PDB file of N, CA and C in Angstrom:
ATOM      1  N   MET A   1      14.812 -20.170 -11.262  1.00  0.00           N
ATOM      2  CA  MET A   1      13.668 -19.757 -12.132  1.00  0.00           C
ATOM      3  C   MET A   1      14.114 -18.521 -12.575  1.00  0.00           C
ATOM      4  N   LYS A   2      14.349 -18.267 -13.759  1.00  0.00           N
ATOM      5  CA  LYS A   2      14.606 -16.839 -14.469  1.00  0.00           C
ATOM      6  C   LYS A   2      13.433 -16.001 -14.251  1.00  0.00           C
ATOM      7  N   LYS A   3      13.504 -14.766 -14.131  1.00  0.00           N
ATOM      8  CA  LYS A   3      12.486 -13.779 -14.010  1.00  0.00           C
ATOM      9  C   LYS A   3      12.290 -13.322 -15.157  1.00  0.00           C
ATOM     10  N   THR A   4      10.788 -13.281 -15.571  1.00  0.00           N
ATOM     11  CA  THR A   4      10.324 -12.468 -16.981  1.00  0.00           C
ATOM     12  C   THR A   4      10.336 -11.003 -16.853  1.00  0.00           C
ATOM     13  N   GLU A   5      10.078 -10.293 -17.881  1.00  0.00           N
ATOM     14  CA  GLU A   5      10.085  -8.961 -17.792  1.00  0.00           C
ATOM     15  C   GLU A   5       9.080  -8.565 -17.117  1.00  0.00           C
ATOM     16  N   ARG A   6       7.888  -8.980 -16.920  1.00  0.00           N
ATOM     17  CA  ARG A   6       6.649  -8.623 -16.069  1.00  0.00           C
ATOM     18  C   ARG A   6       6.804  -8.893 -14.594  1.00  0.00           C
ATOM     19  N   ASP A   7       7.612  -9.898 -14.521  1.00  0.00           N
ATOM     20  CA  ASP A   7       8.205 -10.094 -12.562  1.00  0.00           C
ATOM     21  C   ASP A   7       9.298  -8.903 -12.237  1.00  0.00           C
ATOM     22  N   LYS A   8      10.274  -8.635 -13.119  1.00  0.00           N
ATOM     23  CA  LYS A   8      11.018  -7.526 -13.031  1.00  0.00           C
ATOM     24  C   LYS A   8      10.488  -6.366 -12.615  1.00  0.00           C
ATOM     25  N   ILE A   9       9.375  -5.992 -13.670  1.00  0.00           N
ATOM     26  CA  ILE A   9       8.819  -4.829 -13.481  1.00  0.00           C
ATOM     27  C   ILE A   9       7.863  -4.479 -12.384  1.00  0.00           C
ATOM     28  N   THR A  10       7.198  -5.976 -11.883  1.00  0.00           N
ATOM     29  CA  THR A  10       6.281  -5.901 -10.600  1.00  0.00           C
ATOM     30  C   THR A  10       6.999  -5.753  -9.483  1.00  0.00           C
ATOM     31  N   ASP A  11       8.232  -6.378  -9.362  1.00  0.00           N
ATOM     32  CA  ASP A  11       9.209  -6.262  -8.175  1.00  0.00           C
ATOM     33  C   ASP A  11       9.683  -4.834  -8.108  1.00  0.00           C
ATOM     34  N   LYS A  12      10.036  -4.077  -9.179  1.00  0.00           N
ATOM     35  CA  LYS A  12      10.372  -2.863  -9.007  1.00  0.00           C
ATOM     36  C   LYS A  12       9.243  -1.935  -8.507  1.00  0.00           C
ATOM     37  N   LEU A  13       7.912  -2.314  -9.342  1.00  0.00           N
ATOM     38  CA  LEU A  13       6.513  -1.248  -9.031  1.00  0.00           C
ATOM     39  C   LEU A  13       6.346  -1.553  -7.263  1.00  0.00           C
ATOM     40  N   ASP A  14       6.613  -2.895  -7.017  1.00  0.00           N
ATOM     41  CA  ASP A  14       6.554  -3.049  -5.363  1.00  0.00           C
ATOM     42  C   ASP A  14       7.377  -2.221  -4.633  1.00  0.00           C
ATOM     43  N   LYS A  15       8.693  -2.204  -5.036  1.00  0.00           N
ATOM     44  CA  LYS A  15       9.562  -1.507  -3.809  1.00  0.00           C
ATOM     45  C   LYS A  15       9.536  -0.152  -4.313  1.00  0.00           C
ATOM     46  N   VAL A  16       8.982   0.483  -5.417  1.00  0.00           N
ATOM     47  CA  VAL A  16       8.971   1.850  -5.353  1.00  0.00           C
ATOM     48  C   VAL A  16       7.632   2.478  -4.590  1.00  0.00           C
ATOM     49  N   TRP A  17       6.315   1.781  -4.877  1.00  0.00           N
ATOM     50  CA  TRP A  17       5.139   2.121  -4.314  1.00  0.00           C
ATOM     51  C   TRP A  17       5.483   2.168  -2.824  1.00  0.00           C
ATOM     52  N   ALA A  18       6.119   0.990  -2.218  1.00  0.00           N
ATOM     53  CA  ALA A  18       6.483   1.061  -0.584  1.00  0.00           C
ATOM     54  C   ALA A  18       7.034   2.239  -0.342  1.00  0.00           C
ATOM     55  N   GLU A  19       8.288   2.842  -1.109  1.00  0.00           N
ATOM     56  CA  GLU A  19       8.885   3.877  -1.000  1.00  0.00           C
ATOM     57  C   GLU A  19       8.197   5.120  -0.987  1.00  0.00           C
ATOM     58  N   VAL A  20       7.245   5.438  -1.859  1.00  0.00           N
ATOM     59  CA  VAL A  20       6.394   6.282  -2.055  1.00  0.00           C
ATOM     60  C   VAL A  20       5.506   6.473  -0.989  1.00  0.00           C
ATOM     61  N   VAL A  21       4.851   5.530  -0.625  1.00  0.00           N
ATOM     62  CA  VAL A  21       4.048   5.372   0.531  1.00  0.00           C
ATOM     63  C   VAL A  21       4.561   6.120   1.929  1.00  0.00           C
ATOM     64  N   LYS A  22       5.638   5.603   1.943  1.00  0.00           N
ATOM     65  CA  LYS A  22       6.574   5.852   3.303  1.00  0.00           C
ATOM     66  C   LYS A  22       6.844   7.346   3.087  1.00  0.00           C
ATOM     67  N   SER A  23       7.352   7.919   1.865  1.00  0.00           N
ATOM     68  CA  SER A  23       7.809   9.164   2.075  1.00  0.00           C
ATOM     69  C   SER A  23       6.590  10.162   1.955  1.00  0.00           C
ATOM     70  N   LYS A  24       5.401   9.795   1.492  1.00  0.00           N
ATOM     71  CA  LYS A  24       3.929  10.547   1.602  1.00  0.00           C
ATOM     72  C   LYS A  24       3.776  10.653   3.019  1.00  0.00           C
ATOM     73  N   ALA A  25       4.254   9.989   3.861  1.00  0.00           N
ATOM     74  CA  ALA A  25       3.907   9.973   5.224  1.00  0.00           C
ATOM     75  C   ALA A  25       4.917  10.633   6.144  1.00  0.00           C
ATOM     76  N   GLY A  26       5.915  10.965   5.244  1.00  0.00           N
ATOM     77  CA  GLY A  26       6.917  11.857   5.883  1.00  0.00           C
ATOM     78  C   GLY A  26       7.822  10.876   7.050  1.00  0.00           C
ATOM     79  N   TYR A  27       7.878   9.817   6.420  1.00  0.00           N
ATOM     80  CA  TYR A  27       8.706   8.518   7.095  1.00  0.00           C
ATOM     81  C   TYR A  27       8.523   8.392   8.595  1.00  0.00           C
ATOM     82  N   LYS A  28       7.087   8.529   8.774  1.00  0.00           N
ATOM     83  CA  LYS A  28       6.423   8.216  10.097  1.00  0.00           C
ATOM     84  C   LYS A  28       5.434   7.393  10.247  1.00  0.00           C
ATOM     85  N   CYS A  29       5.246   6.461  11.169  1.00  0.00           N
ATOM     86  CA  CYS A  29       3.927   5.928  11.225  1.00  0.00           C
ATOM     87  C   CYS A  29       2.625   6.736  11.343  1.00  0.00           C
ATOM     88  N   GLU A  30       1.678   6.298  10.384  1.00  0.00           N
ATOM     89  CA  GLU A  30       0.655   7.128  10.385  1.00  0.00           C
ATOM     90  C   GLU A  30      -0.259   7.011  11.499  1.00  0.00           C
ATOM     91  N   VAL A  31       0.234   5.734  12.433  1.00  0.00           N
ATOM     92  CA  VAL A  31      -0.674   5.826  13.566  1.00  0.00           C
ATOM     93  C   VAL A  31      -0.267   6.087  14.684  1.00  0.00           C
ATOM     94  N   CYS A  32       1.023   5.922  14.839  1.00  0.00           N
ATOM     95  CA  CYS A  32       1.365   6.307  16.394  1.00  0.00           C
ATOM     96  C   CYS A  32       2.722   7.186  16.080  1.00  0.00           C
ATOM     97  N   ASN A  33       3.035   7.775  14.813  1.00  0.00           N
ATOM     98  CA  ASN A  33       3.922   8.663  14.290  1.00  0.00           C
ATOM     99  C   ASN A  33       5.412   8.281  14.842  1.00  0.00           C
ATOM    100  N   LEU A  34       5.535   7.084  14.967  1.00  0.00           N
ATOM    101  CA  LEU A  34       6.948   6.406  15.180  1.00  0.00           C
ATOM    102  C   LEU A  34       7.849   6.680  13.940  1.00  0.00           C
ATOM    103  N   SER A  35       8.958   6.824  14.084  1.00  0.00           N
ATOM    104  CA  SER A  35       9.924   6.994  12.942  1.00  0.00           C
ATOM    105  C   SER A  35      11.277   6.544  13.174  1.00  0.00           C
ATOM    106  N   ASP A  36      11.157   5.185  13.622  1.00  0.00           N
ATOM    107  CA  ASP A  36      12.480   4.712  13.831  1.00  0.00           C
ATOM    108  C   ASP A  36      13.318   3.683  12.695  1.00  0.00           C
ATOM    109  N   GLY A  37      12.526   3.842  11.540  1.00  0.00           N
ATOM    110  CA  GLY A  37      13.519   2.978  10.613  1.00  0.00           C
ATOM    111  C   GLY A  37      12.598   1.675  10.471  1.00  0.00           C
ATOM    112  N   ARG A  38      11.772   1.362  11.026  1.00  0.00           N
ATOM    113  CA  ARG A  38      11.223   0.082  10.900  1.00  0.00           C
ATOM    114  C   ARG A  38       9.562   0.204  10.277  1.00  0.00           C
ATOM    115  N   LEU A  39       9.764   0.814   9.279  1.00  0.00           N
ATOM    116  CA  LEU A  39       8.406   1.167   8.623  1.00  0.00           C
ATOM    117  C   LEU A  39       8.102   0.253   7.626  1.00  0.00           C
ATOM    118  N   ASN A  40       6.829   0.117   7.493  1.00  0.00           N
ATOM    119  CA  ASN A  40       6.198  -0.685   6.495  1.00  0.00           C
ATOM    120  C   ASN A  40       5.291   0.099   5.670  1.00  0.00           C
ATOM    121  N   ALA A  41       4.954  -0.453   4.297  1.00  0.00           N
ATOM    122  CA  ALA A  41       4.139   0.014   3.484  1.00  0.00           C
ATOM    123  C   ALA A  41       2.880  -0.973   3.560  1.00  0.00           C
ATOM    124  N   HIS A  42       1.682  -0.695   4.019  1.00  0.00           N
ATOM    125  CA  HIS A  42       0.881  -1.886   4.277  1.00  0.00           C
ATOM    126  C   HIS A  42      -0.554  -1.571   2.995  1.00  0.00           C
ATOM    127  N   HIS A  43      -0.756  -2.567   2.451  1.00  0.00           N
ATOM    128  CA  HIS A  43      -1.757  -2.350   1.399  1.00  0.00           C
ATOM    129  C   HIS A  43      -3.386  -2.511   2.242  1.00  0.00           C
ATOM    130  N   ILE A  44      -3.863  -1.475   2.138  1.00  0.00           N
ATOM    131  CA  ILE A  44      -5.447  -1.351   2.668  1.00  0.00           C
ATOM    132  C   ILE A  44      -6.153  -2.453   2.141  1.00  0.00           C
ATOM    133  N   GLU A  45      -6.082  -2.840   0.638  1.00  0.00           N
ATOM    134  CA  GLU A  45      -6.859  -3.711   0.024  1.00  0.00           C
ATOM    135  C   GLU A  45      -5.597  -4.784  -0.421  1.00  0.00           C
ATOM    136  N   GLY A  46      -5.618  -5.867  -0.115  1.00  0.00           N
ATOM    137  CA  GLY A  46      -4.373  -6.692  -0.134  1.00  0.00           C
ATOM    138  C   GLY A  46      -3.928  -6.738  -1.740  1.00  0.00           C
ATOM    139  N   ARG A  47      -2.483  -6.896  -1.797  1.00  0.00           N
ATOM    140  CA  ARG A  47      -1.632  -6.936  -2.970  1.00  0.00           C
ATOM    141  C   ARG A  47      -2.270  -7.974  -4.152  1.00  0.00           C
ATOM    142  N   ARG A  48      -3.191  -8.984  -3.745  1.00  0.00           N
ATOM    143  CA  ARG A  48      -3.682  -9.729  -4.564  1.00  0.00           C
ATOM    144  C   ARG A  48      -4.739  -8.765  -5.868  1.00  0.00           C
ATOM    145  N   ASN A  49      -4.972  -7.735  -5.248  1.00  0.00           N
ATOM    146  CA  ASN A  49      -5.932  -6.859  -5.764  1.00  0.00           C
ATOM    147  C   ASN A  49      -5.318  -6.026  -6.807  1.00  0.00           C
ATOM    148  N   LEU A  50      -5.341  -6.646  -8.021  1.00  0.00           N
ATOM    149  CA  LEU A  50      -4.226  -5.745  -9.152  1.00  0.00           C
ATOM    150  C   LEU A  50      -5.014  -4.224  -9.549  1.00  0.00           C
ATOM    151  N   ARG A  51      -6.175  -4.115  -9.480  1.00  0.00           N
ATOM    152  CA  ARG A  51      -6.727  -2.818  -9.587  1.00  0.00           C
ATOM    153  C   ARG A  51      -6.036  -1.687  -8.536  1.00  0.00           C
ATOM    154  N   LEU A  52      -5.851  -2.184  -7.319  1.00  0.00           N
ATOM    155  CA  LEU A  52      -5.432  -1.276  -6.252  1.00  0.00           C
ATOM    156  C   LEU A  52      -4.055  -1.635  -5.597  1.00  0.00           C
ATOM    157  N   ARG A  53      -2.998  -2.420  -6.360  1.00  0.00           N
ATOM    158  CA  ARG A  53      -1.798  -2.852  -5.978  1.00  0.00           C
ATOM    159  C   ARG A  53      -1.003  -1.679  -5.698  1.00  0.00           C
ATOM    160  N   TRP A  54      -0.724  -1.036  -6.733  1.00  0.00           N
ATOM    161  CA  TRP A  54      -0.061   0.115  -6.933  1.00  0.00           C
ATOM    162  C   TRP A  54      -0.740   1.520  -6.860  1.00  0.00           C
ATOM    163  N   ASP A  55      -1.590   1.475  -6.229  1.00  0.00           N
ATOM    164  CA  ASP A  55      -2.548   2.964  -6.192  1.00  0.00           C
ATOM    165  C   ASP A  55      -1.943   3.277  -4.591  1.00  0.00           C
ATOM    166  N   LEU A  56      -1.645   4.709  -4.858  1.00  0.00           N
ATOM    167  CA  LEU A  56      -0.876   5.034  -3.441  1.00  0.00           C
ATOM    168  C   LEU A  56      -2.331   5.350  -2.236  1.00  0.00           C
ATOM    169  N   ARG A  57      -3.348   5.547  -2.825  1.00  0.00           N
ATOM    170  CA  ARG A  57      -4.642   5.456  -1.813  1.00  0.00           C
ATOM    171  C   ARG A  57      -4.653   4.368  -1.240  1.00  0.00           C
ATOM    172  N   ASN A  58      -4.243   3.216  -1.457  1.00  0.00           N
ATOM    173  CA  ASN A  58      -4.355   1.851  -0.981  1.00  0.00           C
ATOM    174  C   ASN A  58      -2.987   1.622  -0.005  1.00  0.00           C
ATOM    175  N   GLY A  59      -2.246   2.849   0.273  1.00  0.00           N
ATOM    176  CA  GLY A  59      -1.031   2.665   0.959  1.00  0.00           C
ATOM    177  C   GLY A  59      -0.977   2.962   2.404  1.00  0.00           C
ATOM    178  N   VAL A  60      -0.406   2.576   3.323  1.00  0.00           N
ATOM    179  CA  VAL A  60      -0.550   3.486   4.738  1.00  0.00           C
ATOM    180  C   VAL A  60       0.829   3.060   5.360  1.00  0.00           C
ATOM    181  N   CYS A  61       1.621   4.178   5.632  1.00  0.00           N
ATOM    182  CA  CYS A  61       2.715   3.789   6.392  1.00  0.00           C
ATOM    183  C   CYS A  61       2.691   3.406   7.963  1.00  0.00           C
ATOM    184  N   LEU A  62       3.078   2.152   8.213  1.00  0.00           N
ATOM    185  CA  LEU A  62       2.839   1.689   9.647  1.00  0.00           C
ATOM    186  C   LEU A  62       4.211   1.323  10.034  1.00  0.00           C
ATOM    187  N   CYS A  63       4.701   1.569  11.214  1.00  0.00           N
ATOM    188  CA  CYS A  63       5.412   1.080  12.171  1.00  0.00           C
ATOM    189  C   CYS A  63       5.230  -0.851  12.150  1.00  0.00           C
ATOM    190  N   SER A  64       6.357  -1.449  12.450  1.00  0.00           N
ATOM    191  CA  SER A  64       6.016  -2.915  12.792  1.00  0.00           C
ATOM    192  C   SER A  64       5.101  -3.075  13.627  1.00  0.00           C
ATOM    193  N   GLY A  65       5.040  -2.636  14.548  1.00  0.00           N
ATOM    194  CA  GLY A  65       3.780  -2.773  15.767  1.00  0.00           C
ATOM    195  C   GLY A  65       2.730  -2.590  15.304  1.00  0.00           C
ATOM    196  N   CYS A  66       2.263  -1.322  14.643  1.00  0.00           N
ATOM    197  CA  CYS A  66       1.012  -0.758  14.113  1.00  0.00           C
ATOM    198  C   CYS A  66       0.816  -1.976  12.857  1.00  0.00           C
ATOM    199  N   HIS A  67       1.620  -2.334  12.104  1.00  0.00           N
ATOM    200  CA  HIS A  67       1.240  -3.068  10.920  1.00  0.00           C
ATOM    201  C   HIS A  67       0.821  -4.459  11.601  1.00  0.00           C
ATOM    202  N   MET A  68       1.993  -5.305  12.383  1.00  0.00           N
ATOM    203  CA  MET A  68       1.555  -6.582  12.449  1.00  0.00           C
ATOM    204  C   MET A  68       1.383  -6.796  14.058  1.00  0.00           C
ATOM    205  N   PHE A  69       2.269  -6.318  15.184  1.00  0.00           N
ATOM    206  CA  PHE A  69       2.692  -6.977  16.300  1.00  0.00           C
ATOM    207  C   PHE A  69       1.765  -6.571  17.451  1.00  0.00           C
ATOM    208  N   ARG A  70       1.157  -5.313  17.399  1.00  0.00           N
ATOM    209  CA  ARG A  70       0.388  -4.864  18.649  1.00  0.00           C
ATOM    210  C   ARG A  70      -0.893  -5.409  18.512  1.00  0.00           C
ATOM    211  N   LYS A  71      -1.564  -5.705  19.410  1.00  0.00           N
ATOM    212  CA  LYS A  71      -3.247  -6.045  19.584  1.00  0.00           C
ATOM    213  C   LYS A  71      -3.927  -5.246  18.864  1.00  0.00           C
ATOM    214  N   GLU A  72      -3.585  -4.160  18.723  1.00  0.00           N
ATOM    215  CA  GLU A  72      -4.235  -2.993  17.713  1.00  0.00           C
ATOM    216  C   GLU A  72      -3.604  -2.696  16.834  1.00  0.00           C
ATOM    217  N   SER A  73      -3.473  -3.729  15.801  1.00  0.00           N
ATOM    218  CA  SER A  73      -2.653  -3.440  14.527  1.00  0.00           C
ATOM    219  C   SER A  73      -3.337  -3.806  13.102  1.00  0.00           C
ATOM    220  N   ALA A  74      -2.951  -3.353  12.236  1.00  0.00           N
ATOM    221  CA  ALA A  74      -3.827  -3.833  10.753  1.00  0.00           C
ATOM    222  C   ALA A  74      -3.831  -5.264  10.792  1.00  0.00           C
ATOM    223  N   HIS A  75      -2.896  -6.108  11.116  1.00  0.00           N
ATOM    224  CA  HIS A  75      -3.132  -7.713  10.994  1.00  0.00           C
ATOM    225  C   HIS A  75      -3.754  -8.232  11.818  1.00  0.00           C
ATOM    226  N   GLN A  76      -3.409  -7.718  13.265  1.00  0.00           N
ATOM    227  CA  GLN A  76      -3.979  -8.478  14.322  1.00  0.00           C
ATOM    228  C   GLN A  76      -5.388  -8.257  14.486  1.00  0.00           C
ATOM    229  N   SER A  77      -5.865  -6.983  14.167  1.00  0.00           N
ATOM    230  CA  SER A  77      -7.242  -6.627  14.594  1.00  0.00           C
ATOM    231  C   SER A  77      -7.289  -5.740  13.377  1.00  0.00           C
ATOM    232  N   PRO A  78      -8.192  -6.258  12.268  1.00  0.00           N
ATOM    233  CA  PRO A  78      -8.887  -5.672  11.120  1.00  0.00           C
ATOM    234  C   PRO A  78      -9.958  -4.777  11.407  1.00  0.00           C
ATOM    235  N   GLU A  79     -10.465  -5.078  12.228  1.00  0.00           N
ATOM    236  CA  GLU A  79     -11.851  -4.411  12.580  1.00  0.00           C
ATOM    237  C   GLU A  79     -11.319  -2.882  13.242  1.00  0.00           C
ATOM    238  N   TRP A  80     -10.402  -3.075  14.048  1.00  0.00           N
ATOM    239  CA  TRP A  80      -9.904  -1.837  14.799  1.00  0.00           C
ATOM    240  C   TRP A  80      -9.229  -0.944  13.581  1.00  0.00           C
ATOM    241  N   PHE A  81      -8.549  -1.508  12.615  1.00  0.00           N
ATOM    242  CA  PHE A  81      -7.702  -0.738  11.341  1.00  0.00           C
ATOM    243  C   PHE A  81      -8.968  -0.272  10.732  1.00  0.00           C
ATOM    244  N   HIS A  82     -10.060  -1.030  10.579  1.00  0.00           N
ATOM    245  CA  HIS A  82     -11.139  -0.197   9.363  1.00  0.00           C
ATOM    246  C   HIS A  82     -11.813   1.043  10.522  1.00  0.00           C
ATOM    247  N   PHE A  83     -11.785   0.643  11.617  1.00  0.00           N
ATOM    248  CA  PHE A  83     -12.425   2.237  12.420  1.00  0.00           C
ATOM    249  C   PHE A  83     -11.098   3.455  12.098  1.00  0.00           C
ATOM    250  N   TRP A  84      -9.784   2.784  12.387  1.00  0.00           N
ATOM    251  CA  TRP A  84      -9.137   4.008  12.243  1.00  0.00           C
ATOM    252  C   TRP A  84      -8.893   4.357  10.836  1.00  0.00           C
ATOM    253  N   LEU A  85      -9.175   3.669   9.632  1.00  0.00           N
ATOM    254  CA  LEU A  85      -9.257   4.173   8.423  1.00  0.00           C
ATOM    255  C   LEU A  85     -10.573   5.224   8.002  1.00  0.00           C
ATOM    256  N   GLU A  86     -11.636   4.715   8.899  1.00  0.00           N
ATOM    257  CA  GLU A  86     -12.924   5.439   8.727  1.00  0.00           C
ATOM    258  C   GLU A  86     -12.539   6.762   9.171  1.00  0.00           C
ATOM    259  N   GLU A  87     -11.767   7.153  10.441  1.00  0.00           N
ATOM    260  CA  GLU A  87     -11.365   8.177  11.045  1.00  0.00           C
ATOM    261  C   GLU A  87     -10.538   8.809  10.402  1.00  0.00           C
ATOM    262  N   CYS A  88      -9.317   8.388  10.104  1.00  0.00           N
ATOM    263  CA  CYS A  88      -8.483   8.934   9.442  1.00  0.00           C
ATOM    264  C   CYS A  88      -8.025   9.286   8.092  1.00  0.00           C
ATOM    265  N   ARG A  89      -8.631   8.499   7.466  1.00  0.00           N
ATOM    266  CA  ARG A  89      -8.496   8.083   5.871  1.00  0.00           C
ATOM    267  C   ARG A  89      -9.775   7.894   5.298  1.00  0.00           C
ATOM    268  N   TRP A  90     -10.554   8.360   5.664  1.00  0.00           N
ATOM    269  CA  TRP A  90     -12.131   8.133   5.263  1.00  0.00           C
ATOM    270  C   TRP A  90     -12.242   8.228   3.638  1.00  0.00           C
ATOM    271  N   GLU A  91     -11.786   9.878   2.819  1.00  0.00           N
ATOM    272  CA  GLU A  91     -11.984   9.482   1.593  1.00  0.00           C
ATOM    273  C   GLU A  91     -11.183   8.261   0.722  1.00  0.00           C
ATOM    274  N   ASP A  92     -10.238   8.030   1.281  1.00  0.00           N
ATOM    275  CA  ASP A  92      -9.381   6.774   0.604  1.00  0.00           C
ATOM    276  C   ASP A  92     -10.019   5.490   0.775  1.00  0.00           C
ATOM    277  N   LEU A  93     -10.408   5.308   1.772  1.00  0.00           N
ATOM    278  CA  LEU A  93     -11.463   4.111   2.159  1.00  0.00           C
ATOM    279  C   LEU A  93     -12.494   4.024   1.281  1.00  0.00           C
ATOM    280  N   GLN A  94     -13.196   5.189   1.328  1.00  0.00           N
ATOM    281  CA  GLN A  94     -14.333   5.368   0.235  1.00  0.00           C
ATOM    282  C   GLN A  94     -13.998   5.031  -1.184  1.00  0.00           C
ATOM    283  N   TYR A  95     -13.094   5.522  -1.446  1.00  0.00           N
ATOM    284  CA  TYR A  95     -12.407   5.439  -2.875  1.00  0.00           C
ATOM    285  C   TYR A  95     -12.049   3.896  -3.088  1.00  0.00           C
ATOM    286  N   ILE A  96     -11.222   3.231  -2.277  1.00  0.00           N
ATOM    287  CA  ILE A  96     -11.102   1.808  -2.058  1.00  0.00           C
ATOM    288  C   ILE A  96     -12.270   0.857  -2.316  1.00  0.00           C
ATOM    289  N   MET A  97     -13.704   1.538  -1.681  1.00  0.00           N
ATOM    290  CA  MET A  97     -14.687   0.190  -1.352  1.00  0.00           C
ATOM    291  C   MET A  97     -15.418   0.563  -2.687  1.00  0.00           C
ATOM    292  N   CYS A  98     -15.219   1.595  -3.433  1.00  0.00           N
ATOM    293  CA  CYS A  98     -15.645   1.761  -4.577  1.00  0.00           C
ATOM    294  C   CYS A  98     -15.184   1.019  -5.718  1.00  0.00           C
ATOM    295  N   VAL A  99     -13.880   0.825  -5.792  1.00  0.00           N
ATOM    296  CA  VAL A  99     -13.288   0.319  -6.968  1.00  0.00           C
ATOM    297  C   VAL A  99     -12.504  -1.160  -6.976  1.00  0.00           C
ATOM    298  N   ARG A 100     -12.989  -1.595  -5.333  1.00  0.00           N
ATOM    299  CA  ARG A 100     -12.162  -2.634  -5.193  1.00  0.00           C
ATOM    300  C   ARG A 100     -12.555  -4.029  -5.998  1.00  0.00           C
ATOM    301  N   ASN A 101     -13.760  -3.974  -6.516  1.00  0.00           N
ATOM    302  CA  ASN A 101     -14.099  -5.129  -7.408  1.00  0.00           C
ATOM    303  C   ASN A 101     -13.927  -4.998  -8.670  1.00  0.00           C
ATOM    304  N   GLU A 102     -13.197  -3.931  -9.233  1.00  0.00           N
ATOM    305  CA  GLU A 102     -12.966  -3.784 -10.456  1.00  0.00           C
ATOM    306  C   GLU A 102     -11.607  -4.756 -11.074  1.00  0.00           C
ATOM    307  N   ILE A 103     -11.860  -5.289 -12.030  1.00  0.00           N
ATOM    308  CA  ILE A 103     -10.906  -6.148 -12.411  1.00  0.00           C
ATOM    309  C   ILE A 103      -9.817  -5.541 -13.194  1.00  0.00           C
ATOM    310  N   LYS A 104      -8.593  -5.715 -13.110  1.00  0.00           N
ATOM    311  CA  LYS A 104      -7.601  -4.738 -14.017  1.00  0.00           C
ATOM    312  C   LYS A 104      -6.387  -6.049 -14.456  1.00  0.00           C
ATOM    313  N   LYS A 105      -6.245  -6.111 -15.771  1.00  0.00           N
ATOM    314  CA  LYS A 105      -4.960  -6.844 -16.111  1.00  0.00           C
ATOM    315  C   LYS A 105      -4.373  -5.800 -16.753  1.00  0.00           C
ATOM    316  N   TRP A 106      -3.029  -5.715 -16.211  1.00  0.00           N
ATOM    317  CA  TRP A 106      -2.010  -4.666 -16.608  1.00  0.00           C
ATOM    318  C   TRP A 106      -1.107  -5.472 -17.958  1.00  0.00           C
ATOM    319  N   SER A 107      -0.935  -4.397 -18.951  1.00  0.00           N
ATOM    320  CA  SER A 107      -0.202  -5.022 -19.891  1.00  0.00           C
ATOM    321  C   SER A 107       1.291  -4.746 -19.561  1.00  0.00           C
ATOM    322  N   ILE A 108       2.659  -5.001 -19.962  1.00  0.00           N
ATOM    323  CA  ILE A 108       3.604  -4.411 -19.468  1.00  0.00           C
ATOM    324  C   ILE A 108       4.060  -3.000 -20.266  1.00  0.00           C
ATOM    325  N   GLU A 109       3.283  -2.554 -20.854  1.00  0.00           N
ATOM    326  CA  GLU A 109       3.444  -1.177 -21.329  1.00  0.00           C
ATOM    327  C   GLU A 109       2.594  -0.389 -20.323  1.00  0.00           C
ATOM    328  N   GLU A 110       1.447  -0.900 -19.687  1.00  0.00           N
ATOM    329  CA  GLU A 110       0.691  -0.124 -18.744  1.00  0.00           C
ATOM    330  C   GLU A 110       1.719  -0.197 -17.263  1.00  0.00           C
ATOM    331  N   LEU A 111       2.230  -1.171 -16.798  1.00  0.00           N
ATOM    332  CA  LEU A 111       3.116  -1.244 -16.026  1.00  0.00           C
ATOM    333  C   LEU A 111       4.381  -0.354 -15.844  1.00  0.00           C
ATOM    334  N   GLN A 112       4.855  -0.321 -16.780  1.00  0.00           N
ATOM    335  CA  GLN A 112       5.965   0.541 -17.183  1.00  0.00           C
ATOM    336  C   GLN A 112       5.437   2.296 -16.949  1.00  0.00           C
ATOM    337  N   ILE A 113       4.329   2.231 -17.607  1.00  0.00           N
ATOM    338  CA  ILE A 113       3.794   3.515 -17.442  1.00  0.00           C
ATOM    339  C   ILE A 113       3.545   4.111 -15.958  1.00  0.00           C
ATOM    340  N   LYS A 114       2.782   3.047 -15.299  1.00  0.00           N
ATOM    341  CA  LYS A 114       2.703   3.254 -13.817  1.00  0.00           C
ATOM    342  C   LYS A 114       4.008   3.487 -12.866  1.00  0.00           C
ATOM    343  N   LEU A 115       5.133   2.619 -13.464  1.00  0.00           N
ATOM    344  CA  LEU A 115       6.212   2.841 -12.769  1.00  0.00           C
ATOM    345  C   LEU A 115       7.203   4.383 -12.927  1.00  0.00           C
ATOM    346  N   SER A 116       6.649   4.572 -14.086  1.00  0.00           N
ATOM    347  CA  SER A 116       7.496   5.880 -14.447  1.00  0.00           C
ATOM    348  C   SER A 116       6.259   7.131 -13.632  1.00  0.00           C
ATOM    349  N   GLU A 117       5.089   6.813 -13.153  1.00  0.00           N
ATOM    350  CA  GLU A 117       4.172   7.721 -12.706  1.00  0.00           C
ATOM    351  C   GLU A 117       4.818   7.604 -11.236  1.00  0.00           C
ATOM    352  N   LEU A 118       5.142   6.743 -10.819  1.00  0.00           N
ATOM    353  CA  LEU A 118       5.763   6.550  -9.206  1.00  0.00           C
ATOM    354  C   LEU A 118       6.750   7.076  -9.178  1.00  0.00           C
ATOM    355  N   LEU A 119       7.807   6.818 -10.113  1.00  0.00           N
ATOM    356  CA  LEU A 119       8.930   7.635  -9.829  1.00  0.00           C
ATOM    357  C   LEU A 119       9.133   8.885  -9.990  1.00  0.00           C
ATOM    358  N   LYS A 120       8.063   9.416 -10.413  1.00  0.00           N
ATOM    359  CA  LYS A 120       8.152  11.039 -10.250  1.00  0.00           C
ATOM    360  C   LYS A 120       7.838  11.839  -9.025  1.00  0.00           C
TER     361      LYS A 120
END
């Protein structure tokens, strides 16, 4: 299936967003400080939420263990991760909780503007 212009911009936004999240964290896991190259950009509020999908406050740089595989990880223990967010990223968590129910429909022009902002 041929990708639409919107799909291409969305894919690029996802990649750029992830790279900026990791860069802002100094290419280290924000939980354990590991910097071995197996880093993931984790969405605090899931990617389906278009209001927050490319908002940098909604991203956390995590190693694969802290992201998915350890008992205390963002995916294995959402409760633990929420407590970590309260302790380490309180302002971002409060912001996310305030705007998470807002609905956002992106025009192609808005997606392009967001991509330009992230590339700066």
